[in-house]
Amino acid sequence: MRAVVWSKNNCVICDRAKAYLDSKKISYEERNIEGSKWTPSDFFEAVPNARTFPQILIDGKYIGGYDMMMTHINLGELKL
């Protein structure tokens, strides 16, 4: 299983999402738009309708933000 986490600096919810993935031993690529590699344009191209951080993709499937990821897990729709 592979995840992508779009994030930004000083984002408590981003940290919470990454910590959860770490706790489940899920490898992820962090794409921080305030770093040197990824830009806001890259973010909006990858996740056009997103307006909050983090935004999470797992195995190429768009999951949404942290709350949506937890909802999918709690409903049994996503098993990590």
N, C-alpha and C. Protein backbone atom coordinates (compact mmCIF):
# COMPACT_ATOMS: atom_id res chain seq x y z
N MET A 1 0.86 -1.17 0.00
CA MET A 1 0.00 0.00 0.00
C MET A 1 0.90 1.23 0.00
N ARG A 2 0.53 2.20 -0.81
CA ARG A 2 1.33 3.42 -0.95
C ARG A 2 0.41 4.62 -0.90
N ALA A 3 0.80 5.64 -0.15
CA ALA A 3 -0.02 6.84 -0.01
C ALA A 3 0.75 8.07 -0.45
N VAL A 4 0.00 9.08 -0.86
CA VAL A 4 0.54 10.41 -1.13
C VAL A 4 -0.22 11.36 -0.22
N VAL A 5 0.52 12.20 0.50
CA VAL A 5 -0.08 13.18 1.39
C VAL A 5 0.35 14.57 0.92
N TRP A 6 -0.60 15.33 0.37
CA TRP A 6 -0.34 16.73 0.04
C TRP A 6 -0.45 17.53 1.32
N SER A 7 0.56 18.32 1.63
CA SER A 7 0.59 19.03 2.90
C SER A 7 1.17 20.42 2.74
N LYS A 8 1.20 21.15 3.85
CA LYS A 8 1.87 22.45 3.92
C LYS A 8 2.48 22.57 5.31
N ASN A 9 3.33 23.56 5.50
CA ASN A 9 4.01 23.76 6.77
C ASN A 9 3.03 24.15 7.87
N ASN A 10 3.37 23.80 9.09
CA ASN A 10 2.60 24.20 10.29
C ASN A 10 1.14 23.78 10.20
N CYS A 11 0.90 22.60 9.67
CA CYS A 11 -0.47 22.08 9.52
C CYS A 11 -0.65 20.93 10.51
N VAL A 12 -1.38 21.19 11.58
CA VAL A 12 -1.58 20.20 12.63
C VAL A 12 -2.31 18.97 12.09
N ILE A 13 -3.29 19.18 11.23
CA ILE A 13 -4.05 18.05 10.69
C ILE A 13 -3.18 17.23 9.73
N CYS A 14 -2.30 17.90 9.00
CA CYS A 14 -1.34 17.17 8.15
C CYS A 14 -0.47 16.27 9.02
N ASP A 15 0.01 16.81 10.14
CA ASP A 15 0.84 16.02 11.06
C ASP A 15 0.05 14.84 11.61
N ARG A 16 -1.22 15.06 11.90
CA ARG A 16 -2.07 13.98 12.43
C ARG A 16 -2.24 12.87 11.39
N ALA A 17 -2.46 13.25 10.14
CA ALA A 17 -2.62 12.25 9.07
C ALA A 17 -1.35 11.44 8.88
N LYS A 18 -0.21 12.13 8.86
CA LYS A 18 1.07 11.42 8.68
C LYS A 18 1.36 10.50 9.87
N ALA A 19 1.04 10.97 11.08
CA ALA A 19 1.25 10.14 12.27
C ALA A 19 0.38 8.89 12.22
N TYR A 20 -0.85 9.05 11.75
CA TYR A 20 -1.74 7.88 11.65
C TYR A 20 -1.17 6.88 10.65
N LEU A 21 -0.75 7.36 9.48
CA LEU A 21 -0.17 6.46 8.48
C LEU A 21 1.08 5.79 9.03
N ASP A 22 1.92 6.56 9.74
CA ASP A 22 3.11 5.98 10.37
C ASP A 22 2.73 4.88 11.35
N SER A 23 1.69 5.13 12.15
CA SER A 23 1.28 4.14 13.16
C SER A 23 0.80 2.84 12.52
N LYS A 24 0.30 2.92 11.30
CA LYS A 24 -0.17 1.74 10.57
C LYS A 24 0.91 1.18 9.65
N LYS A 25 2.10 1.80 9.72
CA LYS A 25 3.25 1.38 8.91
C LYS A 25 2.94 1.45 7.41
N ILE A 26 2.19 2.49 7.03
CA ILE A 26 1.87 2.75 5.62
C ILE A 26 2.91 3.73 5.09
N SER A 27 3.63 3.34 4.05
CA SER A 27 4.60 4.27 3.48
C SER A 27 3.85 5.34 2.69
N TYR A 28 4.37 6.55 2.73
CA TYR A 28 3.73 7.64 2.00
C TYR A 28 4.77 8.61 1.48
N GLU A 29 4.40 9.30 0.44
CA GLU A 29 5.21 10.37 -0.10
C GLU A 29 4.54 11.67 0.32
N GLU A 30 5.27 12.48 1.04
CA GLU A 30 4.73 13.79 1.42
C GLU A 30 5.04 14.79 0.31
N ARG A 31 4.03 15.49 -0.12
CA ARG A 31 4.19 16.52 -1.14
C ARG A 31 3.82 17.87 -0.51
N ASN A 32 4.80 18.47 0.12
CA ASN A 32 4.62 19.74 0.81
C ASN A 32 4.72 20.88 -0.20
N ILE A 33 3.65 21.65 -0.34
CA ILE A 33 3.64 22.71 -1.35
C ILE A 33 4.48 23.92 -0.96
N GLU A 34 4.98 23.94 0.26
CA GLU A 34 5.82 25.05 0.69
C GLU A 34 7.30 24.66 0.70
N GLY A 35 7.60 23.49 0.15
CA GLY A 35 8.98 23.05 0.03
C GLY A 35 9.54 23.50 -1.31
N SER A 36 10.62 22.88 -1.70
CA SER A 36 11.27 23.29 -2.95
C SER A 36 10.83 22.48 -4.16
N LYS A 37 10.18 21.34 -3.94
CA LYS A 37 9.85 20.46 -5.06
C LYS A 37 8.42 20.63 -5.58
N TRP A 38 7.43 20.82 -4.70
CA TRP A 38 6.03 20.87 -5.09
C TRP A 38 5.48 22.28 -4.92
N THR A 39 4.56 22.66 -5.77
CA THR A 39 4.00 24.02 -5.74
C THR A 39 2.49 23.96 -5.58
N PRO A 40 1.86 25.08 -5.22
CA PRO A 40 0.40 25.11 -5.19
C PRO A 40 -0.21 24.71 -6.53
N SER A 41 0.43 25.07 -7.63
CA SER A 41 -0.08 24.69 -8.95
C SER A 41 -0.09 23.18 -9.12
N ASP A 42 0.97 22.52 -8.65
CA ASP A 42 1.02 21.05 -8.69
C ASP A 42 -0.14 20.46 -7.89
N PHE A 43 -0.38 21.04 -6.72
CA PHE A 43 -1.46 20.58 -5.84
C PHE A 43 -2.81 20.68 -6.54
N PHE A 44 -3.11 21.87 -7.10
CA PHE A 44 -4.41 22.07 -7.73
C PHE A 44 -4.56 21.25 -9.01
N GLU A 45 -3.46 20.94 -9.65
CA GLU A 45 -3.53 20.06 -10.82
C GLU A 45 -3.85 18.63 -10.40
N ALA A 46 -3.26 18.19 -9.29
CA ALA A 46 -3.47 16.82 -8.81
C ALA A 46 -4.83 16.64 -8.13
N VAL A 47 -5.26 17.66 -7.40
CA VAL A 47 -6.51 17.59 -6.64
C VAL A 47 -7.29 18.89 -6.89
N PRO A 48 -7.92 19.00 -8.06
CA PRO A 48 -8.49 20.29 -8.50
C PRO A 48 -9.52 20.92 -7.58
N ASN A 49 -10.34 20.17 -6.91
CA ASN A 49 -11.41 20.76 -6.10
C ASN A 49 -11.05 20.89 -4.63
N ALA A 50 -9.85 20.54 -4.25
CA ALA A 50 -9.45 20.59 -2.84
C ALA A 50 -9.11 22.03 -2.44
N ARG A 51 -9.46 22.37 -1.22
CA ARG A 51 -9.17 23.70 -0.70
C ARG A 51 -8.56 23.64 0.69
N THR A 52 -8.37 22.44 1.23
CA THR A 52 -7.80 22.29 2.56
C THR A 52 -6.67 21.27 2.52
N PHE A 53 -5.91 21.24 3.60
CA PHE A 53 -4.81 20.29 3.74
C PHE A 53 -5.04 19.48 5.00
N PRO A 54 -4.58 18.23 4.99
CA PRO A 54 -3.94 17.51 3.90
C PRO A 54 -4.96 16.98 2.91
N GLN A 55 -4.46 16.53 1.79
CA GLN A 55 -5.25 15.76 0.83
C GLN A 55 -4.50 14.45 0.62
N ILE A 56 -5.22 13.35 0.66
CA ILE A 56 -4.59 12.03 0.71
C ILE A 56 -5.07 11.16 -0.44
N LEU A 57 -4.11 10.49 -1.07
CA LEU A 57 -4.40 9.49 -2.08
C LEU A 57 -3.76 8.18 -1.60
N ILE A 58 -4.48 7.08 -1.75
CA ILE A 58 -3.94 5.78 -1.35
C ILE A 58 -4.07 4.84 -2.53
N ASP A 59 -2.93 4.28 -2.92
CA ASP A 59 -2.86 3.40 -4.10
C ASP A 59 -3.50 4.07 -5.31
N GLY A 60 -3.24 5.35 -5.48
CA GLY A 60 -3.73 6.08 -6.64
C GLY A 60 -5.18 6.54 -6.55
N LYS A 61 -5.87 6.17 -5.48
CA LYS A 61 -7.28 6.54 -5.32
C LYS A 61 -7.39 7.75 -4.39
N TYR A 62 -8.14 8.75 -4.83
CA TYR A 62 -8.33 9.94 -4.02
C TYR A 62 -9.20 9.62 -2.82
N ILE A 63 -8.70 9.92 -1.62
CA ILE A 63 -9.42 9.67 -0.37
C ILE A 63 -10.05 10.94 0.16
N GLY A 64 -9.33 12.04 0.12
CA GLY A 64 -9.80 13.31 0.67
C GLY A 64 -8.88 13.73 1.81
N GLY A 65 -9.42 14.51 2.72
CA GLY A 65 -8.66 14.99 3.86
C GLY A 65 -8.59 13.96 4.98
N TYR A 66 -8.00 14.36 6.09
CA TYR A 66 -7.85 13.47 7.24
C TYR A 66 -9.19 12.96 7.74
N ASP A 67 -10.15 13.87 7.92
CA ASP A 67 -11.47 13.45 8.42
C ASP A 67 -12.14 12.44 7.50
N MET A 68 -12.02 12.66 6.21
CA MET A 68 -12.62 11.73 5.25
C MET A 68 -11.91 10.38 5.30
N MET A 69 -10.59 10.40 5.45
CA MET A 69 -9.86 9.14 5.57
C MET A 69 -10.35 8.37 6.80
N MET A 70 -10.50 9.06 7.93
CA MET A 70 -10.96 8.39 9.15
C MET A 70 -12.40 7.90 9.01
N THR A 71 -13.24 8.64 8.32
CA THR A 71 -14.62 8.21 8.08
C THR A 71 -14.63 6.92 7.26
N HIS A 72 -13.83 6.88 6.18
CA HIS A 72 -13.75 5.67 5.36
C HIS A 72 -13.27 4.48 6.20
N ILE A 73 -12.29 4.71 7.08
CA ILE A 73 -11.77 3.64 7.92
C ILE A 73 -12.85 3.17 8.89
N ASN A 74 -13.50 4.11 9.56
CA ASN A 74 -14.53 3.76 10.55
C ASN A 74 -15.71 3.05 9.95
N LEU A 75 -16.03 3.34 8.70
CA LEU A 75 -17.14 2.67 8.01
C LEU A 75 -16.71 1.33 7.39
N GLY A 76 -15.44 1.03 7.48
CA GLY A 76 -14.94 -0.22 6.92
C GLY A 76 -14.71 -0.17 5.42
N GLU A 77 -14.76 1.02 4.85
CA GLU A 77 -14.57 1.18 3.40
C GLU A 77 -13.10 1.25 3.02
N LEU A 78 -12.25 1.49 4.01
CA LEU A 78 -10.81 1.59 3.78
C LEU A 78 -10.13 0.83 4.90
N LYS A 79 -9.32 -0.14 4.52
CA LYS A 79 -8.62 -0.94 5.52
C LYS A 79 -7.12 -0.65 5.42
N LEU A 80 -6.59 -0.08 6.48
CA LEU A 80 -5.15 0.22 6.50
C LEU A 80 -4.45 -0.65 7.51
